[in-house]
Amino acid sequence: MRRIARAFLRRCRVSEPVAGLVVLAVSELVTNAMVHGEGEVVLRITVAVDVVRVSVTDHNPAPAVLKEAGPDGESGRGIRLVDAISDAWESNGEETWCEFRDARAAA
């Protein structure tokens, strides 16, 4: 997914710094859906004039939540990381999304 996302973002001329953050968010959200979700996992990346939106859906009705991971914990940091690197994020259960603004490379 990371490789496909990187190629798509390059083709859409998303700036390299933003593309790196988007790929990190893709990795975290897809991993979260695969570990905690149910059924098919679907990734959608939408690039508009000034925003990149990453959406990951599965069939788990429970929303993703921010957690406090302990120093030795092996999980619980993914959504916190998405919160830190994105401009906005939300989870309504089956869909978790995040957005990155001012994403396009200068023409």
Protein backbone atom coordinates (compact mmCIF):
# COMPACT_ATOMS: atom_id res chain seq x y z
CA MET A 1 0.00 0.00 0.00
CA ARG A 2 2.83 2.39 0.82
CA ARG A 3 4.49 1.86 -2.56
CA ILE A 4 1.22 2.34 -4.44
CA ALA A 5 0.38 5.44 -2.41
CA ARG A 6 3.84 6.94 -3.03
CA ALA A 7 3.54 6.39 -6.81
CA PHE A 8 0.03 7.87 -6.90
CA LEU A 9 1.08 10.95 -4.91
CA ARG A 10 4.09 11.51 -7.17
CA ARG A 11 1.84 11.31 -10.22
CA CYS A 12 -0.52 13.86 -8.63
CA ARG A 13 2.44 16.17 -7.94
CA VAL A 14 1.99 16.19 -4.18
CA SER A 15 5.00 17.83 -2.54
CA GLU A 16 7.57 15.37 -1.23
CA PRO A 17 7.34 16.44 2.45
CA VAL A 18 3.56 16.03 2.44
CA ALA A 19 3.75 12.79 0.44
CA GLY A 20 6.02 11.32 3.11
CA LEU A 21 3.49 12.16 5.82
CA VAL A 22 0.61 10.80 3.75
CA VAL A 23 2.45 7.51 3.17
CA LEU A 24 3.09 7.25 6.92
CA ALA A 25 -0.62 7.84 7.60
CA VAL A 26 -1.56 5.22 4.98
CA SER A 27 0.68 2.72 6.72
CA GLU A 28 -0.78 3.43 10.15
CA LEU A 29 -4.44 3.50 9.09
CA VAL A 30 -4.24 0.39 6.93
CA THR A 31 -2.36 -1.50 9.65
CA ASN A 32 -4.94 -0.38 12.21
CA ALA A 33 -7.78 -1.63 9.98
CA MET A 34 -6.05 -4.95 9.35
CA VAL A 35 -5.34 -5.55 13.04
CA HIS A 36 -8.55 -4.18 14.59
CA GLY A 37 -11.00 -4.11 11.69
CA GLU A 38 -13.28 -6.71 10.24
CA GLY A 39 -13.72 -7.86 6.66
CA GLU A 40 -12.35 -6.15 3.58
CA VAL A 41 -10.04 -3.15 4.05
CA VAL A 42 -10.38 -0.40 1.44
CA LEU A 43 -7.92 2.48 0.99
CA ARG A 44 -8.91 5.65 -0.88
CA ILE A 45 -6.61 8.59 -1.48
CA THR A 46 -8.13 11.73 -2.93
CA VAL A 47 -6.00 14.63 -4.15
CA ALA A 48 -7.72 17.98 -4.65
CA VAL A 49 -6.31 21.43 -5.30
CA ASP A 50 -5.16 22.03 -1.74
CA VAL A 51 -5.82 18.83 0.22
CA VAL A 52 -4.98 15.15 0.25
CA ARG A 53 -7.52 12.93 1.98
CA VAL A 54 -6.75 9.39 3.09
CA SER A 55 -9.73 7.18 3.89
CA VAL A 56 -9.56 3.61 5.15
CA THR A 57 -12.71 1.57 5.62
CA ASP A 58 -13.46 -1.85 7.04
CA HIS A 59 -16.54 -3.44 8.57
CA ASN A 60 -15.83 -2.83 12.25
CA PRO A 61 -18.46 -0.46 13.66
CA ALA A 62 -16.19 0.66 16.53
CA PRO A 63 -14.41 3.95 15.81
CA ALA A 64 -10.65 4.32 16.12
CA VAL A 65 -9.68 6.22 19.27
CA LEU A 66 -6.63 8.01 20.61
CA LYS A 67 -4.85 5.85 23.17
CA GLU A 68 -2.05 6.38 25.62
CA ALA A 69 0.54 3.70 24.98
CA GLY A 70 2.86 2.74 27.76
CA PRO A 71 6.60 3.08 27.22
CA ASP A 72 6.92 -0.67 26.62
CA GLY A 73 3.62 -1.08 24.77
CA GLU A 74 3.80 -2.60 21.30
CA SER A 75 0.62 -0.92 20.07
CA GLY A 76 -1.55 2.12 20.67
CA ARG A 77 0.50 4.76 18.87
CA GLY A 78 -0.90 4.65 15.33
CA ILE A 79 -3.89 6.96 15.68
CA ARG A 80 -1.89 9.27 17.94
CA LEU A 81 0.71 9.51 15.18
CA VAL A 82 -1.98 10.24 12.56
CA ASP A 83 -3.35 12.93 14.89
CA ALA A 84 0.10 14.51 15.19
CA ILE A 85 1.01 14.57 11.48
CA SER A 86 -2.33 15.35 9.80
CA ASP A 87 -4.33 18.56 9.72
CA ALA A 88 -7.55 16.75 10.63
CA TRP A 89 -8.76 13.20 11.25
CA GLU A 90 -11.89 11.44 12.36
CA SER A 91 -13.32 7.97 12.74
CA ASN A 92 -16.99 7.08 12.59
CA GLY A 93 -16.44 3.37 12.96
CA GLU A 94 -16.24 1.80 9.54
CA GLU A 95 -14.27 4.75 8.11
CA THR A 96 -11.21 6.47 9.50
CA TRP A 97 -9.87 9.39 7.51
CA CYS A 98 -7.26 12.12 7.71
CA GLU A 99 -6.41 15.19 5.65
CA PHE A 100 -3.26 17.04 4.70
CA ARG A 101 -3.60 20.60 3.44
CA ASP A 102 -1.36 22.67 1.11
CA ALA A 103 -0.21 19.45 -0.46
CA ARG A 104 0.59 20.34 -4.07
CA ALA A 105 4.10 20.96 -5.30
CA ALA A 106 4.76 24.39 -6.76
CA ALA A 107 4.08 24.43 -10.50
